[in-house]
Amino acid sequence: MKKFFKLEEHNSNVKAEVIGGITTFLTMAYIIFVNPNILGATGMDKGALITVTCLAAFFGTILVGLWANVPFAMAPGMGLNAFFTYTLVLGQGVAWETALGIVFISGVVFMILTVIGVREKVIKAIPLSLRLAVSAGIGLFITFIGLKNLGLVVPNPATLVGMGEFTKPLVLGLVGLIIIAVLEVKKIRGSILIGIVTTTILGIIFGEVHLPSAIMSMPPSIAPIAFKLDILGALKLSFYGAIFSFMFVDLFDSIGTIVACSYEAGLVEEDGTIKKIDKMLEADAIASIAGAVLGTSTTTTYIESASGIADGGKTGLSAVVTAILFLLALLFTPIIGIVPGFATAPALIIVGVYMFKNIKKIDFANFEVAIPAFLTIILMPLTYSISIGLSFGFISYVIIATASGDIKKVSPVMWGIAVLSIINLIV
């Protein structure tokens, strides 16, 4: 292991890597509960989604660990699963089988774009302020969904949104939110997971959740959703707009997360070049393709990997440990299956905070930077669409830079991104 993962070269050891891997798992294990709840709203089988979520996380994480030798973890992406459910399936009426086909096609295209180096060029072309805005905007969008799932934010015909009634599930969810927040302040590892478990236990005590018939069992079959993707259906002309939008969101979501994790892991050179970026992007694309075949939305790198990095993880061995833990989690699917939406909603809110916190690095005193960043952030939750927020952010950046005489700052690739953004709004 020392030789394969180059532990000495990275000034690390097996113990530190194992601890880092466990920490990463504890901080992102909430996805085992949250992803089935989000995708389950499309009509997909929740039991199968639990199994597929664990399998997709295992495959993507062990792939990036062995292939790129980096301490990153992968799983179905937050924001991307929301786009899959609330924009494609529920918003546009696309069948979930067809939506999986769209995910598959986007993964194949991403693989092609990665091999020919396009994705790497896109990363370099997007200014740092917009990269940070993308992360913050997705965080705000996820938080909005969490508040909605919690029942705290509800539709209001007069003001569009309003505050919901304080039902028992809402109160229990707020208690869970407070628990996670306090644990985060105390820097307790696995705070989100602890909050979800505690809220579920309170739900059992107050009669809102029913106990499972067993604690351990063989995982639910993936048959109801695995290999159900409709690739031919997704290739219809009427779905080209959806394919483009999903590709658009996936492209910039994965890029933003990989860049953020690379900074945390010290993989960024002084000139901004990211070490092993090609292998990371290839693993990301392969994991997305595999995830669509299994039956889940796009698999991507998790920002929670930073917690494992901070705890000692420096190589792919840390990622391998995380992957194995996701596989072991399959034995506890009866317990996972009873976790209610009001227990996972606080996790969405806290993840939103994590994604939003880097907003402080954006220079809002400079309006040339501030306006595109602000539009990117605010339009994602208000339009209930990540791609619309991205489009307005990229377009406004190019227009403002050009109109203010800084046209040289806009690279040819950025011009191309702006054109694609306009197409995205049209389609």
Protein backbone atom coordinates (compact mmCIF):
# COMPACT_ATOMS: atom_id res chain seq x y z
CA MET A 1 0.00 0.00 0.00
CA LYS A 2 2.81 2.39 0.83
CA LYS A 3 4.32 1.89 -2.62
CA PHE A 4 1.08 1.88 -4.60
CA PHE A 5 -0.36 5.01 -2.97
CA LYS A 6 3.07 6.66 -2.54
CA LEU A 7 2.44 7.35 1.14
CA GLU A 8 6.00 8.39 1.99
CA GLU A 9 6.12 10.72 -1.00
CA HIS A 10 2.96 12.42 0.33
CA ASN A 11 4.34 12.47 3.89
CA SER A 12 1.52 10.20 5.10
CA ASN A 13 0.94 6.79 6.67
CA VAL A 14 -1.74 4.08 6.71
CA LYS A 15 -3.24 5.20 10.04
CA ALA A 16 -3.68 8.80 8.89
CA GLU A 17 -5.25 7.67 5.61
CA VAL A 18 -7.70 5.35 7.38
CA ILE A 19 -8.74 8.11 9.77
CA GLY A 20 -9.16 10.52 6.85
CA GLY A 21 -11.29 8.00 4.97
CA ILE A 22 -13.55 7.37 7.96
CA THR A 23 -13.98 11.11 8.53
CA THR A 24 -14.95 11.69 4.90
CA PHE A 25 -17.51 8.88 5.11
CA LEU A 26 -19.05 10.23 8.31
CA THR A 27 -19.40 13.72 6.86
CA MET A 28 -21.06 12.60 3.61
CA ALA A 29 -22.96 9.46 4.68
CA TYR A 30 -26.10 11.61 4.77
CA ILE A 31 -26.32 11.13 0.99
CA ILE A 32 -27.43 7.53 1.66
CA PHE A 33 -30.58 8.98 3.23
CA VAL A 34 -31.01 12.18 1.22
CA ASN A 35 -30.52 10.96 -2.35
CA PRO A 36 -33.30 8.31 -2.17
CA ASN A 37 -35.67 10.90 -0.69
CA ILE A 38 -34.99 13.39 -3.49
CA LEU A 39 -35.03 10.92 -6.40
CA GLY A 40 -37.91 9.00 -4.81
CA ALA A 41 -40.15 11.99 -5.56
CA THR A 42 -39.96 10.98 -9.22
CA GLY A 43 -41.65 7.64 -8.52
CA MET A 44 -38.42 5.61 -8.42
CA ASP A 45 -38.30 2.76 -5.89
CA LYS A 46 -36.78 4.11 -2.65
CA GLY A 47 -35.34 0.79 -1.50
CA ALA A 48 -33.55 0.30 -4.79
CA LEU A 49 -32.32 3.90 -4.62
CA ILE A 50 -30.67 3.26 -1.24
CA THR A 51 -28.73 0.33 -2.69
CA VAL A 52 -27.83 2.17 -5.88
CA THR A 53 -26.69 5.25 -3.96
CA CYS A 54 -24.24 3.13 -1.94
CA LEU A 55 -23.03 1.26 -5.03
CA ALA A 56 -22.54 4.47 -7.05
CA ALA A 57 -20.64 6.05 -4.16
CA PHE A 58 -18.48 2.92 -3.79
CA PHE A 59 -17.68 2.70 -7.49
CA GLY A 60 -16.93 6.39 -8.04
CA THR A 61 -14.87 6.76 -4.86
CA ILE A 62 -12.73 3.66 -5.30
CA LEU A 63 -12.21 4.59 -8.96
CA VAL A 64 -10.87 8.07 -8.21
CA GLY A 65 -8.81 6.69 -5.32
CA LEU A 66 -7.10 3.99 -7.38
CA TRP A 67 -6.95 5.83 -10.72
CA ALA A 68 -5.99 9.37 -9.64
CA ASN A 69 -4.60 8.55 -6.16
CA VAL A 70 -6.35 11.53 -4.55
CA PRO A 71 -8.30 11.60 -1.24
CA PHE A 72 -11.59 12.52 -2.90
CA ALA A 73 -14.95 10.79 -2.49
CA MET A 74 -17.74 10.57 -5.05
CA ALA A 75 -21.49 10.01 -4.79
CA PRO A 76 -24.67 11.16 -6.54
CA GLY A 77 -24.27 14.95 -6.53
CA MET A 78 -26.36 17.29 -4.44
CA GLY A 79 -27.85 19.91 -6.73
CA LEU A 80 -27.63 17.52 -9.66
CA ASN A 81 -30.13 15.14 -8.04
CA ALA A 82 -32.34 18.16 -7.38
CA PHE A 83 -32.01 19.21 -11.03
CA PHE A 84 -32.88 15.64 -12.08
CA THR A 85 -36.01 15.53 -9.90
CA TYR A 86 -37.39 19.06 -9.69
CA THR A 87 -36.37 20.49 -13.07
CA LEU A 88 -36.41 17.53 -15.47
CA VAL A 89 -38.92 15.04 -14.09
CA LEU A 90 -41.35 17.10 -12.02
CA GLY A 91 -40.76 20.42 -13.76
CA GLN A 92 -40.64 19.38 -17.42
CA GLY A 93 -42.58 16.12 -17.15
CA VAL A 94 -39.69 13.94 -18.39
CA ALA A 95 -40.01 10.25 -17.40
CA TRP A 96 -37.34 9.21 -14.91
CA GLU A 97 -36.17 6.48 -17.27
CA THR A 98 -35.58 9.11 -19.95
CA ALA A 99 -33.90 11.40 -17.42
CA LEU A 100 -31.45 8.57 -16.64
CA GLY A 101 -30.82 8.33 -20.37
CA ILE A 102 -29.97 12.04 -20.37
CA VAL A 103 -27.53 11.48 -17.49
CA PHE A 104 -25.90 8.63 -19.43
CA ILE A 105 -25.55 10.69 -22.61
CA SER A 106 -24.11 13.63 -20.69
CA GLY A 107 -21.58 11.27 -19.08
CA VAL A 108 -20.49 9.94 -22.49
CA VAL A 109 -20.16 13.47 -23.87
CA PHE A 110 -18.19 14.50 -20.80
CA MET A 111 -15.82 11.60 -21.32
CA ILE A 112 -15.20 12.76 -24.89
CA LEU A 113 -14.74 16.38 -23.79
CA THR A 114 -12.34 15.25 -21.06
CA VAL A 115 -10.21 13.11 -23.37
CA ILE A 116 -9.79 15.96 -25.87
CA GLY A 117 -9.03 18.43 -23.05
CA VAL A 118 -12.08 20.70 -23.37
CA ARG A 119 -13.18 20.45 -19.73
CA GLU A 120 -9.73 21.36 -18.48
CA LYS A 121 -9.72 24.46 -20.72
CA VAL A 122 -13.16 25.43 -19.43
CA ILE A 123 -11.88 25.33 -15.83
CA LYS A 124 -9.06 27.70 -16.68
CA ALA A 125 -11.36 30.07 -18.61
CA ILE A 126 -13.93 30.71 -15.85
CA PRO A 127 -12.86 33.50 -13.48
CA LEU A 128 -12.50 32.58 -9.81
CA SER A 129 -15.38 34.85 -8.77
CA LEU A 130 -17.82 32.91 -10.96
CA ARG A 131 -16.49 29.55 -9.79
CA LEU A 132 -17.18 30.61 -6.21
CA ALA A 133 -20.60 32.01 -7.21
CA VAL A 134 -21.61 28.71 -8.80
CA SER A 135 -20.89 26.86 -5.56
CA ALA A 136 -22.72 29.48 -3.47
CA GLY A 137 -25.72 29.52 -5.80
CA ILE A 138 -26.10 25.76 -5.73
CA GLY A 139 -25.80 25.92 -1.94
CA LEU A 140 -28.63 28.46 -1.75
CA PHE A 141 -30.74 26.34 -4.10
CA ILE A 142 -30.20 23.20 -2.01
CA THR A 143 -31.05 25.14 1.16
CA PHE A 144 -34.28 26.34 -0.41
CA ILE A 145 -35.22 22.75 -1.26
CA GLY A 146 -34.38 21.70 2.31
CA LEU A 147 -36.62 24.42 3.77
CA LYS A 148 -39.38 23.37 1.38
CA ASN A 149 -39.05 19.67 2.26
CA LEU A 150 -39.06 20.60 5.93
CA GLY A 151 -42.35 22.44 5.50
CA LEU A 152 -40.96 25.73 6.79
CA VAL A 153 -41.31 27.39 3.37
CA VAL A 154 -44.60 26.79 1.53
CA PRO A 155 -46.36 28.24 -1.54
CA ASN A 156 -48.29 31.46 -1.03
CA PRO A 157 -50.55 32.83 -3.81
CA ALA A 158 -49.99 36.43 -2.72
CA THR A 159 -46.23 36.43 -2.10
CA LEU A 160 -45.14 33.27 -3.97
CA VAL A 161 -43.71 31.78 -0.76
CA GLY A 162 -44.54 31.99 2.94
CA MET A 163 -43.99 30.23 6.26
CA GLY A 164 -45.67 26.87 6.87
CA GLU A 165 -47.60 25.70 9.93
CA PHE A 166 -45.67 24.33 12.88
CA THR A 167 -46.60 20.67 12.58
CA LYS A 168 -44.90 17.91 14.56
CA PRO A 169 -42.59 16.91 11.64
CA LEU A 170 -41.57 20.55 11.14
CA VAL A 171 -40.71 20.99 14.83
CA LEU A 172 -38.73 17.74 14.86
CA GLY A 173 -36.88 18.83 11.73
CA LEU A 174 -35.99 22.17 13.32
CA VAL A 175 -34.69 20.33 16.39
CA GLY A 176 -32.52 18.26 14.04
CA LEU A 177 -31.26 21.43 12.38
CA ILE A 178 -30.27 22.90 15.75
CA ILE A 179 -28.50 19.66 16.72
CA ILE A 180 -26.45 19.63 13.51
CA ALA A 181 -25.66 23.34 13.82
CA VAL A 182 -24.42 23.00 17.40
CA LEU A 183 -22.32 19.95 16.53
CA GLU A 184 -20.81 21.82 13.59
CA VAL A 185 -19.89 24.72 15.87
CA LYS A 186 -18.30 22.22 18.26
CA LYS A 187 -16.48 20.67 15.25
CA ILE A 188 -17.84 17.20 16.01
CA ARG A 189 -17.13 14.76 13.18
CA GLY A 190 -20.16 13.28 11.46
CA SER A 191 -22.45 16.03 12.73
CA ILE A 192 -24.88 15.75 9.81
CA LEU A 193 -25.16 11.98 10.21
CA ILE A 194 -25.67 12.35 13.98
CA GLY A 195 -28.38 14.93 13.37
CA ILE A 196 -30.23 12.69 10.92
CA VAL A 197 -30.08 9.69 13.25
CA THR A 198 -31.17 11.73 16.30
CA THR A 199 -34.10 13.30 14.43
CA THR A 200 -35.22 9.88 13.21
CA ILE A 201 -35.12 8.53 16.78
CA LEU A 202 -37.22 11.50 17.93
CA GLY A 203 -39.63 10.72 15.10
CA ILE A 204 -39.96 7.16 16.42
CA ILE A 205 -40.57 8.43 19.97
CA PHE A 206 -43.29 10.85 18.84
CA GLY A 207 -44.98 8.36 16.50
CA GLU A 208 -43.95 9.93 13.19
CA VAL A 209 -41.62 7.07 12.21
CA HIS A 210 -42.23 3.32 12.47
CA LEU A 211 -39.49 0.89 13.52
CA PRO A 212 -38.09 -1.49 10.89
CA SER A 213 -38.68 -5.22 11.10
CA ALA A 214 -34.90 -5.85 11.22
CA ILE A 215 -31.65 -3.94 11.77
CA MET A 216 -29.54 -5.78 9.21
CA SER A 217 -30.52 -7.54 6.02
CA MET A 218 -29.48 -8.09 2.47
CA PRO A 219 -29.79 -4.80 0.55
CA PRO A 220 -32.94 -4.15 -1.52
CA SER A 221 -32.79 -5.27 -5.13
CA ILE A 222 -31.74 -2.69 -7.69
CA ALA A 223 -33.93 -4.37 -10.33
CA PRO A 224 -36.73 -1.73 -10.23
CA ILE A 225 -34.37 1.01 -11.48
CA ALA A 226 -31.11 -0.57 -12.71
CA PHE A 227 -30.65 -0.76 -16.48
CA LYS A 228 -34.00 1.03 -16.93
CA LEU A 229 -32.49 4.09 -18.57
CA ASP A 230 -34.09 5.07 -21.87
CA ILE A 231 -31.20 6.21 -24.05
CA LEU A 232 -33.12 6.18 -27.35
CA GLY A 233 -35.96 8.15 -25.77
CA ALA A 234 -33.49 10.72 -24.51
CA LEU A 235 -32.15 11.21 -28.04
CA LYS A 236 -35.45 12.59 -29.31
CA LEU A 237 -35.27 16.13 -30.69
CA SER A 238 -37.72 17.36 -28.05
CA PHE A 239 -35.24 16.41 -25.30
CA TYR A 240 -32.17 18.09 -26.78
CA GLY A 241 -32.83 21.13 -24.61
CA ALA A 242 -32.98 18.97 -21.50
CA ILE A 243 -29.81 17.12 -22.51
CA PHE A 244 -27.98 20.38 -23.03
CA SER A 245 -29.21 21.85 -19.73
CA PHE A 246 -28.18 18.75 -17.78
CA MET A 247 -24.79 18.71 -19.46
CA PHE A 248 -24.43 22.39 -18.66
CA VAL A 249 -25.23 21.95 -14.96
CA ASP A 250 -23.13 18.79 -14.61
CA LEU A 251 -20.15 20.36 -16.32
CA PHE A 252 -19.89 23.39 -14.08
CA ASP A 253 -21.02 21.66 -10.88
CA SER A 254 -18.34 18.98 -11.17
CA ILE A 255 -15.70 21.50 -12.20
CA GLY A 256 -16.52 23.76 -9.26
CA THR A 257 -16.35 20.94 -6.73
CA ILE A 258 -13.14 19.42 -8.10
CA VAL A 259 -11.47 22.84 -8.06
CA ALA A 260 -12.59 23.49 -4.48
CA CYS A 261 -11.42 20.06 -3.25
CA SER A 262 -8.12 20.43 -5.10
CA TYR A 263 -7.42 23.66 -3.23
CA GLU A 264 -8.19 21.90 0.07
CA ALA A 265 -5.89 18.99 -0.85
CA GLY A 266 -3.02 21.23 -1.92
CA LEU A 267 -3.15 19.95 -5.49
CA VAL A 268 -3.10 23.41 -7.09
CA GLU A 269 0.17 24.76 -8.45
CA GLU A 270 1.18 28.41 -8.09
CA ASP A 271 0.03 29.12 -11.66
CA GLY A 272 -3.43 27.67 -10.91
CA THR A 273 -2.78 24.32 -12.62
CA ILE A 274 -4.42 21.38 -10.84
CA LYS A 275 -2.35 18.20 -10.50
CA LYS A 276 -3.94 15.03 -11.92
CA ILE A 277 -6.96 17.03 -13.16
CA ASP A 278 -7.20 14.84 -16.26
CA LYS A 279 -7.55 11.63 -14.25
CA MET A 280 -10.01 13.23 -11.82
CA LEU A 281 -12.23 14.39 -14.67
CA GLU A 282 -12.03 11.00 -16.37
CA ALA A 283 -13.07 9.25 -13.15
CA ASP A 284 -15.92 11.76 -12.78
CA ALA A 285 -17.22 11.02 -16.28
CA ILE A 286 -16.94 7.22 -15.92
CA ALA A 287 -18.73 7.34 -12.54
CA SER A 288 -21.57 9.37 -14.06
CA ILE A 289 -22.04 6.82 -16.84
CA ALA A 290 -22.00 3.91 -14.37
CA GLY A 291 -24.41 5.73 -12.03
CA ALA A 292 -26.95 6.26 -14.82
CA VAL A 293 -26.80 2.56 -15.72
CA LEU A 294 -27.35 1.61 -12.06
CA GLY A 295 -30.23 4.07 -11.74
CA THR A 296 -29.17 7.34 -10.13
CA SER A 297 -28.43 10.92 -11.10
CA THR A 298 -24.94 12.14 -11.88
CA THR A 299 -22.10 11.02 -9.61
CA THR A 300 -19.61 13.73 -8.77
CA THR A 301 -16.82 14.69 -6.35
CA TYR A 302 -17.99 15.70 -2.86
CA ILE A 303 -16.85 18.86 -1.12
CA GLU A 304 -17.05 16.89 2.15
CA SER A 305 -13.81 15.23 1.04
CA ALA A 306 -12.17 18.30 2.52
CA SER A 307 -13.01 17.07 6.03
CA GLY A 308 -11.07 13.84 5.48
CA ILE A 309 -8.19 15.80 3.97
CA ALA A 310 -8.10 18.02 7.06
CA ASP A 311 -8.04 14.88 9.19
CA GLY A 312 -4.97 13.40 7.50
CA GLY A 313 -6.10 11.95 4.16
CA LYS A 314 -3.58 12.80 1.46
CA THR A 315 -3.75 9.91 -1.01
CA GLY A 316 -6.15 7.54 -2.74
CA LEU A 317 -5.95 5.12 0.19
CA SER A 318 -8.21 7.49 2.12
CA ALA A 319 -10.75 7.30 -0.73
CA VAL A 320 -10.56 3.48 -0.79
CA VAL A 321 -11.44 3.37 2.93
CA THR A 322 -14.44 5.65 2.31
CA ALA A 323 -15.58 3.45 -0.59
CA ILE A 324 -15.44 0.27 1.52
CA LEU A 325 -17.56 1.93 4.23
CA PHE A 326 -20.23 2.80 1.65
CA LEU A 327 -20.30 -0.86 0.62
CA LEU A 328 -20.68 -2.02 4.25
CA ALA A 329 -23.57 0.44 4.71
CA LEU A 330 -25.63 -1.76 2.36
CA LEU A 331 -26.13 -4.26 5.20
CA PHE A 332 -28.09 -1.66 7.20
CA THR A 333 -30.70 -0.72 4.60
CA PRO A 334 -33.72 -1.52 6.86
CA ILE A 335 -32.65 1.30 9.20
CA ILE A 336 -31.80 3.62 6.32
CA GLY A 337 -35.22 3.00 4.76
CA ILE A 338 -37.20 4.43 7.69
CA VAL A 339 -35.42 7.81 7.73
CA PRO A 340 -38.12 10.45 7.00
CA GLY A 341 -37.88 13.57 4.86
CA PHE A 342 -38.01 15.89 7.87
CA ALA A 343 -34.81 14.23 9.17
CA THR A 344 -32.87 14.69 5.92
CA ALA A 345 -34.10 18.24 5.19
CA PRO A 346 -31.76 19.79 7.82
CA ALA A 347 -28.84 18.07 6.07
CA LEU A 348 -29.71 19.90 2.85
CA ILE A 349 -29.70 23.21 4.71
CA ILE A 350 -26.32 22.59 6.34
CA VAL A 351 -24.76 21.39 3.06
CA GLY A 352 -26.09 24.61 1.54
CA VAL A 353 -24.24 26.58 4.22
CA TYR A 354 -21.02 24.70 3.42
CA MET A 355 -21.34 25.50 -0.26
CA PHE A 356 -22.26 29.12 0.40
CA LYS A 357 -19.51 30.03 2.87
CA ASN A 358 -16.81 30.75 0.26
CA ILE A 359 -18.86 33.73 -0.94
CA LYS A 360 -16.59 35.85 1.29
CA LYS A 361 -13.81 35.38 -1.28
CA ILE A 362 -15.81 37.25 -3.96
CA ASP A 363 -14.90 40.94 -4.28
CA PHE A 364 -18.38 42.49 -4.09
CA ALA A 365 -16.82 45.98 -3.94
CA ASN A 366 -15.96 45.51 -7.64
CA PHE A 367 -19.26 45.66 -9.55
CA GLU A 368 -17.69 44.11 -12.64
CA VAL A 369 -17.25 41.01 -10.50
CA ALA A 370 -20.19 41.46 -8.13
CA ILE A 371 -23.08 41.68 -10.62
CA PRO A 372 -22.39 38.43 -12.55
CA ALA A 373 -21.67 36.62 -9.27
CA PHE A 374 -24.83 37.95 -7.63
CA LEU A 375 -27.04 37.02 -10.60
CA THR A 376 -25.55 33.52 -10.62
CA ILE A 377 -26.26 33.05 -6.93
CA ILE A 378 -29.72 34.61 -6.60
CA LEU A 379 -31.32 33.27 -9.79
CA MET A 380 -30.68 29.61 -9.00
CA PRO A 381 -33.20 29.42 -6.10
CA LEU A 382 -35.57 32.09 -7.47
CA THR A 383 -35.97 30.36 -10.85
CA TYR A 384 -35.66 26.89 -9.29
CA SER A 385 -33.03 26.15 -11.91
CA ILE A 386 -29.26 25.85 -11.59
CA SER A 387 -28.72 26.19 -15.33
CA ILE A 388 -30.59 29.51 -15.55
CA GLY A 389 -28.47 30.99 -12.77
CA LEU A 390 -25.32 29.80 -14.51
CA SER A 391 -26.45 31.18 -17.86
CA PHE A 392 -27.20 34.68 -16.58
CA GLY A 393 -23.95 34.76 -14.63
CA PHE A 394 -21.77 33.83 -17.60
CA ILE A 395 -23.61 36.06 -20.07
CA SER A 396 -23.56 39.10 -17.77
CA TYR A 397 -19.83 38.63 -17.09
CA VAL A 398 -18.99 38.77 -20.80
CA ILE A 399 -21.32 41.70 -21.50
CA ILE A 400 -20.10 43.81 -18.55
CA ALA A 401 -16.42 43.08 -19.22
CA THR A 402 -16.89 44.01 -22.90
CA ALA A 403 -18.94 47.16 -22.23
CA SER A 404 -16.49 48.40 -19.59
CA GLY A 405 -13.53 48.08 -21.94
CA ASP A 406 -12.00 44.95 -20.42
CA ILE A 407 -12.74 42.74 -23.40
CA LYS A 408 -9.18 41.34 -23.28
CA LYS A 409 -10.07 39.68 -19.96
CA VAL A 410 -12.62 37.50 -21.76
CA SER A 411 -10.93 34.45 -23.28
CA PRO A 412 -12.21 32.77 -26.47
CA VAL A 413 -13.38 29.83 -24.34
CA MET A 414 -15.39 32.20 -22.13
CA TRP A 415 -17.02 33.67 -25.25
CA GLY A 416 -17.97 30.13 -26.21
CA ILE A 417 -19.43 29.51 -22.75
CA ALA A 418 -21.51 32.71 -23.08
CA VAL A 419 -22.87 31.57 -26.45
CA LEU A 420 -23.77 28.18 -24.97
CA SER A 421 -25.48 30.01 -22.12
CA ILE A 422 -27.63 31.98 -24.54
CA ILE A 423 -28.57 28.74 -26.32
CA ASN A 424 -29.41 27.20 -22.94
CA LEU A 425 -31.86 30.05 -22.16
CA ILE A 426 -33.44 29.77 -25.60
CA VAL A 427 -33.96 26.02 -25.56
